[in-house]
Protein backbone atom coordinates (compact mmCIF):
# COMPACT_ATOMS: atom_id res chain seq x y z
CA MET A 1 4.07 -6.19 -14.06
CA LYS A 2 2.84 -9.38 -13.35
CA GLN A 3 0.32 -8.18 -10.54
CA ALA A 4 -1.79 -5.34 -10.48
CA LEU A 5 -0.29 -1.83 -10.25
CA ARG A 6 -1.27 -0.60 -6.58
CA ILE A 7 -2.11 2.82 -6.12
CA GLY A 8 -1.88 4.02 -2.18
CA THR A 9 -4.63 6.96 -1.45
CA ARG A 10 -5.91 8.37 1.52
CA GLY A 11 -9.76 7.43 1.75
CA SER A 12 -11.73 10.70 1.53
CA PRO A 13 -14.09 11.32 -1.56
CA LEU A 14 -11.71 13.92 -3.51
CA ALA A 15 -8.52 11.49 -2.59
CA LEU A 16 -10.33 8.27 -4.17
CA THR A 17 -11.38 10.85 -7.11
CA GLN A 18 -7.64 11.81 -7.73
CA ALA A 19 -6.57 8.09 -7.40
CA ARG A 20 -8.98 7.19 -10.08
CA MET A 21 -7.92 9.84 -12.30
CA VAL A 22 -4.23 8.56 -11.84
CA ALA A 23 -5.53 5.13 -12.86
CA LYS A 24 -7.38 6.24 -15.66
CA ALA A 25 -4.09 7.95 -16.90
CA LEU A 26 -2.13 4.94 -16.57
CA ARG A 27 -4.47 2.74 -18.28
CA GLU A 28 -5.05 4.83 -21.20
CA ALA A 29 -1.02 5.53 -21.45
CA HIS A 30 -0.52 1.99 -21.33
CA GLY A 31 -3.28 0.28 -22.93
CA TRP A 32 -4.28 -1.40 -19.59
CA GLY A 33 -7.48 -3.16 -18.69
CA PRO A 34 -8.93 -2.35 -15.25
CA GLU A 35 -7.66 -5.33 -13.75
CA ARG A 36 -4.03 -4.19 -14.13
CA ILE A 37 -4.53 -1.34 -11.47
CA GLU A 38 -5.58 -1.37 -7.66
CA ILE A 39 -6.65 1.38 -5.73
CA VAL A 40 -5.44 0.95 -1.85
CA PRO A 41 -7.25 3.34 0.68
CA ILE A 42 -5.02 4.20 3.43
CA THR A 43 -6.46 6.00 6.53
CA THR A 44 -3.74 8.58 7.67
CA THR A 45 -3.58 10.49 11.00
CA GLY A 46 -4.65 13.70 9.46
CA ASP A 47 -7.80 12.14 8.57
CA VAL A 48 -8.40 11.04 11.99
CA ILE A 49 -7.43 14.02 13.84
CA GLN A 50 -10.07 16.40 13.16
CA ASP A 51 -10.53 18.56 16.03
CA ARG A 52 -6.89 20.61 15.72
CA PRO A 53 -4.99 22.32 13.34
CA LEU A 54 -2.46 20.40 11.36
CA ALA A 55 0.43 22.77 12.53
CA GLU A 56 -0.38 21.53 15.95
CA VAL A 57 -0.19 18.01 15.92
CA GLY A 58 2.77 17.41 13.46
CA GLY A 59 1.95 19.33 10.05
CA LYS A 60 1.84 17.91 6.65
CA ALA A 61 3.34 14.67 7.62
CA LEU A 62 0.13 13.86 8.92
CA TRP A 63 -1.15 13.34 5.26
CA THR A 64 2.00 11.20 4.43
CA LYS A 65 3.49 8.99 6.65
CA GLU A 66 1.09 6.15 6.48
CA LEU A 67 1.27 6.33 2.86
CA ASP A 68 5.31 6.27 3.00
CA ARG A 69 5.15 3.45 5.22
CA ALA A 70 2.95 1.28 2.70
CA LEU A 71 5.18 2.13 -0.27
CA ILE A 72 8.49 1.11 1.96
CA GLU A 73 6.69 -2.05 3.27
CA GLY A 74 5.66 -3.12 -0.28
CA ARG A 75 1.89 -2.89 0.30
CA THR A 76 1.46 -0.21 -2.60
CA ASP A 77 3.87 0.61 -5.51
CA LEU A 78 2.64 4.59 -5.63
CA SER A 79 1.28 6.90 -3.82
CA VAL A 80 -1.18 9.83 -5.07
CA HIS A 81 -1.06 13.11 -3.26
CA SER A 82 -2.65 16.62 -3.40
CA MET A 83 0.84 18.04 -3.81
CA LYS A 84 0.10 21.42 -1.84
CA ASP A 85 -0.46 18.53 1.30
CA VAL A 86 3.11 16.99 0.84
CA GLU A 87 5.92 18.48 3.18
CA SER A 88 8.59 20.40 1.19
CA PHE A 89 11.17 18.25 2.57
CA ARG A 90 10.84 14.60 1.71
CA PRO A 91 12.72 11.30 2.55
CA ALA A 92 15.37 10.53 0.20
CA GLU A 93 13.56 7.06 -0.55
CA PHE A 94 11.04 8.87 -2.24
CA THR A 95 10.53 10.91 -5.58
CA ILE A 96 7.66 12.50 -7.35
CA GLY A 97 7.73 10.60 -10.35
CA ALA A 98 4.87 12.38 -12.26
CA MET A 99 2.14 14.90 -11.93
CA LEU A 100 -1.12 15.29 -13.77
CA ALA A 101 -1.94 18.41 -15.48
CA ARG A 102 -2.86 21.33 -13.04
CA ALA A 103 -6.02 22.18 -12.53
CA ASP A 104 -7.64 25.52 -11.31
CA VAL A 105 -5.24 27.05 -8.62
CA CYS A 106 -7.63 29.47 -7.06
CA ASP A 107 -9.82 29.41 -3.87
CA ARG A 108 -13.65 29.54 -3.73
CA LEU A 109 -15.35 31.78 -1.02
CA ILE A 110 -18.43 29.63 0.24
CA GLY A 111 -21.14 31.77 2.02
CA ALA A 112 -21.22 34.90 0.20
CA GLU A 113 -20.66 36.60 -3.27
CA SER A 114 -17.44 38.39 -2.30
CA LEU A 115 -15.33 39.09 0.63
CA GLU A 116 -16.47 42.55 0.70
CA ALA A 117 -20.00 41.50 1.00
CA LEU A 118 -19.44 39.40 4.39
CA PRO A 119 -20.95 41.29 7.11
CA PRO A 120 -18.74 43.06 9.77
CA SER A 121 -17.14 40.55 12.01
CA ALA A 122 -18.24 37.78 10.02
CA ARG A 123 -17.11 34.31 11.10
CA VAL A 124 -14.73 32.46 8.34
CA GLY A 125 -14.15 28.67 8.92
CA THR A 126 -10.42 27.85 8.01
CA SER A 127 -7.45 26.32 9.68
CA SER A 128 -4.95 27.37 7.10
CA PRO A 129 -2.53 30.12 8.16
CA ARG A 130 -2.18 31.42 4.44
CA ARG A 131 -5.86 31.67 4.04
CA THR A 132 -6.43 33.28 7.58
CA ALA A 133 -3.38 36.02 6.71
CA GLN A 134 -4.80 36.71 3.39
CA LEU A 135 -8.25 37.27 4.81
CA LEU A 136 -7.07 39.25 7.76
CA ALA A 137 -5.03 41.58 5.48
CA ARG A 138 -8.10 42.32 3.39
CA ARG A 139 -10.79 42.43 6.04
CA PRO A 140 -9.30 42.58 9.61
CA ASP A 141 -12.68 42.69 11.18
CA LEU A 142 -13.14 39.01 10.34
CA GLU A 143 -13.24 36.46 13.08
CA ILE A 144 -11.24 33.54 12.10
CA VAL A 145 -12.69 29.94 13.37
CA ALA A 146 -10.81 26.79 13.06
CA ILE A 147 -12.73 24.41 10.86
CA ARG A 148 -11.37 21.01 9.49
CA GLY A 149 -12.52 18.12 7.57
CA ASN A 150 -13.27 16.88 4.14
CA VAL A 151 -15.06 18.96 1.44
CA ALA A 152 -18.63 17.71 2.44
CA THR A 153 -17.87 18.45 6.28
CA ARG A 154 -16.71 21.95 5.89
CA LEU A 155 -19.73 22.53 3.36
CA ARG A 156 -22.00 21.38 5.76
CA LYS A 157 -20.79 23.40 8.67
CA VAL A 158 -21.29 26.49 7.04
CA GLU A 159 -24.77 25.32 6.22
CA LEU A 160 -25.29 24.77 10.14
CA GLY A 161 -24.00 28.11 10.95
CA GLU A 162 -20.92 27.11 12.62
CA ALA A 163 -19.27 29.56 10.50
CA ASP A 164 -20.60 32.19 8.23
CA ALA A 165 -18.30 31.26 5.35
CA THR A 166 -15.29 29.23 4.56
CA LEU A 167 -12.70 28.80 1.50
CA LEU A 168 -12.23 25.74 -0.44
CA ALA A 169 -9.68 24.87 -3.26
CA ALA A 170 -11.78 25.33 -6.58
CA ALA A 171 -9.82 22.23 -7.90
CA GLY A 172 -11.32 19.78 -5.39
CA LEU A 173 -14.55 21.03 -5.75
CA ASN A 174 -14.23 20.60 -9.64
CA ARG A 175 -13.28 17.24 -9.30
CA LEU A 176 -16.11 16.47 -7.26
CA GLY A 177 -18.40 17.79 -9.65
CA GLN A 178 -19.35 20.75 -7.31
CA ARG A 179 -18.21 23.65 -10.32
CA ASP A 180 -21.02 25.88 -9.26
CA VAL A 181 -20.23 26.16 -5.44
CA GLY A 182 -19.00 29.44 -4.18
CA THR A 183 -17.34 32.43 -5.69
CA LEU A 184 -14.02 32.07 -7.30
CA LEU A 185 -11.43 34.34 -5.63
CA SER A 186 -9.20 34.85 -8.50
CA ASP A 187 -7.26 37.67 -6.69
CA MET A 188 -5.88 35.71 -4.18
CA LEU A 189 -2.59 33.91 -4.61
CA PRO A 190 -2.92 30.08 -3.87
CA ALA A 191 -0.98 27.59 -1.55
CA PRO A 192 2.16 26.60 -3.22
CA ALA A 193 1.41 23.51 -5.40
CA GLN A 194 -2.53 23.94 -5.18
CA GLY A 195 -4.32 22.37 -7.98
CA ALA A 196 -1.56 19.66 -8.85
CA ILE A 197 -1.95 15.84 -8.34
CA GLY A 198 1.51 14.17 -7.65
CA ILE A 199 2.57 10.71 -8.03
CA GLU A 200 5.13 9.73 -5.62
CA VAL A 201 7.37 6.25 -6.01
CA CYS A 202 10.17 4.52 -4.54
CA ALA A 203 13.10 6.28 -6.12
CA ALA A 204 14.85 2.75 -6.28
CA ASN A 205 11.76 1.26 -8.24
CA LYS A 206 12.95 1.91 -11.54
CA ASN A 207 10.19 -0.18 -13.25
CA VAL A 208 7.38 2.19 -11.56
CA ARG A 209 9.21 5.10 -12.06
CA THR A 210 9.16 4.35 -16.02
CA LEU A 211 5.60 3.40 -15.98
CA VAL A 212 4.33 6.72 -14.21
CA GLU A 213 6.83 9.19 -16.07
CA ALA A 214 4.36 8.34 -19.23
CA ILE A 215 1.52 10.28 -17.38
CA ASP A 216 3.80 13.18 -16.23
CA HIS A 217 2.64 16.72 -17.39
CA ARG A 218 5.87 18.52 -17.77
CA PRO A 219 4.81 22.03 -17.64
CA THR A 220 3.27 21.39 -14.34
CA HIS A 221 6.02 19.21 -12.84
CA VAL A 222 8.30 22.18 -13.51
CA ALA A 223 6.34 24.89 -12.02
CA VAL A 224 5.31 22.93 -8.95
CA ALA A 225 8.96 21.93 -8.36
CA ALA A 226 9.57 26.12 -8.50
CA GLU A 227 7.18 26.64 -6.22
CA ARG A 228 8.34 23.96 -3.60
CA ALA A 229 12.01 25.11 -4.01
CA PHE A 230 10.67 28.29 -2.94
CA LEU A 231 9.08 26.98 0.07
CA GLU A 232 12.29 25.13 0.83
CA GLY A 233 14.40 28.33 0.50
CA LEU A 234 12.04 30.18 2.79
CA GLY A 235 12.50 27.36 5.46
CA GLY A 236 8.64 27.59 6.52
CA ASP A 237 6.47 25.04 7.79
CA CYS A 238 2.65 24.68 7.95
CA ARG A 239 2.46 27.48 10.50
CA SER A 240 3.95 29.89 8.29
CA PRO A 241 1.55 32.08 5.71
CA VAL A 242 2.75 31.70 2.32
CA ALA A 243 1.23 31.93 -1.15
CA ALA A 244 3.19 31.39 -4.34
CA LEU A 245 2.12 30.65 -8.05
CA ALA A 246 4.66 29.84 -11.06
CA THR A 247 3.67 29.31 -14.44
CA CYS A 248 5.65 28.33 -17.30
CA ASP A 249 5.93 30.82 -20.09
CA GLY A 250 8.51 29.70 -23.09
CA GLY A 251 11.43 28.80 -21.47
CA GLU A 252 11.02 30.95 -18.16
CA ILE A 253 9.22 30.55 -14.81
CA HIS A 254 7.04 33.46 -14.21
CA LEU A 255 7.03 33.27 -10.16
CA ARG A 256 4.63 35.34 -7.79
CA ALA A 257 4.79 34.60 -4.30
CA GLU A 258 3.96 36.51 -0.88
CA ILE A 259 4.61 36.01 2.67
CA LEU A 260 2.46 37.31 5.43
CA THR A 261 2.31 37.76 9.24
CA ASN A 262 -0.24 35.57 10.92
CA ASP A 263 -2.60 38.45 11.30
CA GLY A 264 -1.81 39.92 7.73
CA ARG A 265 -0.59 42.95 8.72
CA GLU A 266 2.96 42.56 7.24
CA VAL A 267 3.54 41.08 3.75
CA GLU A 268 6.38 41.00 1.30
CA ARG A 269 5.69 40.12 -2.27
CA ILE A 270 7.60 39.10 -5.23
CA ASP A 271 7.08 38.90 -8.91
CA THR A 272 9.75 37.76 -10.89
CA ARG A 273 11.00 35.60 -13.87
CA PHE A 274 14.12 33.17 -14.08
CA PRO A 275 15.28 30.07 -16.35
CA ALA A 276 12.70 27.00 -16.41
CA GLY A 277 14.59 24.21 -14.67
CA ASP A 278 16.80 26.70 -12.52
CA ASP A 279 16.41 24.80 -9.13
CA GLU A 280 18.36 27.11 -7.01
CA ALA A 281 16.68 30.45 -8.37
CA PRO A 282 13.51 30.20 -6.38
CA ARG A 283 15.39 29.54 -3.18
CA GLU A 284 17.65 32.21 -3.88
CA LEU A 285 14.63 34.49 -4.30
CA ALA A 286 13.15 33.24 -1.12
CA ARG A 287 15.84 34.09 0.60
CA ARG A 288 16.20 37.53 -0.69
CA LEU A 289 12.52 38.23 0.28
CA LEU A 290 13.23 36.96 4.04
CA ASP A 291 16.22 39.59 4.14
CA GLN A 292 13.74 42.27 3.23
CA ALA A 293 11.09 41.31 5.42
CA ALA A 294 10.23 42.85 8.98
CA PRO A 295 11.63 40.84 11.72
CA ALA A 296 8.04 39.85 12.95
CA LEU A 297 7.54 38.41 9.53
CA ARG A 298 11.30 37.03 9.00
CA ALA A 299 10.73 35.05 12.56
CA LEU A 300 7.84 33.15 11.19
CA PHE A 301 10.12 31.28 8.82
CA ARG A 302 12.77 28.67 9.81
CA GLY A 303 16.38 29.12 8.71
CA SER A 304 15.87 32.79 8.06
CA GLU A 305 19.23 34.18 9.13
CA PRO A 306 19.40 37.76 7.78
CA SER A 307 22.16 38.19 5.10
CA SER A 308 25.51 39.50 6.02
């Protein structure tokens, strides 16, 4: 390319760190100097709206629509996303050209040594329906308080006593150099695509697609694609509590997933394997899981007509 490759990203400290990780990988893959890549911070609606859960004001598209516009208008050549924040159904004009190797998929509990160590009726800050449901499934006494913001903001809110504890993704903390913060919740399934960084490009731009494919970590890409296909099969949105983790095991995908009611009282789980690259298998598994779910649970997911 004659001009610098322009990377679109949100402007939060974590997002900029992830964009720099992509830039470094591209420079190393292609032998480029620093002048060949430009990072373009873009303010998204999700960054501006901090007083309400995203589910109330437009969902995950609030993280992506401004980045999408920059791609379409030619102001950037690619976008870097935390894949767990990318909608299941994306416009056909875009494609995920690559993913970096996945980081730690777990959540960390900030404010206590364990969930059991939290005092009765402790206030836990989160705006995630998935985390809320999983917490209440184990500790129905907890009071969930809505907090949003970047990592530093949420840590500060706990320090100020706005909540007794909160949950943050280990991957984000690790990338920000805060590996020792919090307690790892390794027994709780993560959000689909948690810990993965995706590089999105215009599907028609073959040149950029070729450039980013050089840094694709295929096992991560295949596993995350399976999790996102499972989400598609559920027809869920950001209001629907769902957790999923797929791993590559030889020529198979091992998928563990669960769907929950918002209060955590109803849960359906799946633990299964299917051939890697079978895009329809996770969608069908999702539909089957919904078929066996109680009506209150099934009602949380769109397109969940019971089988005949």
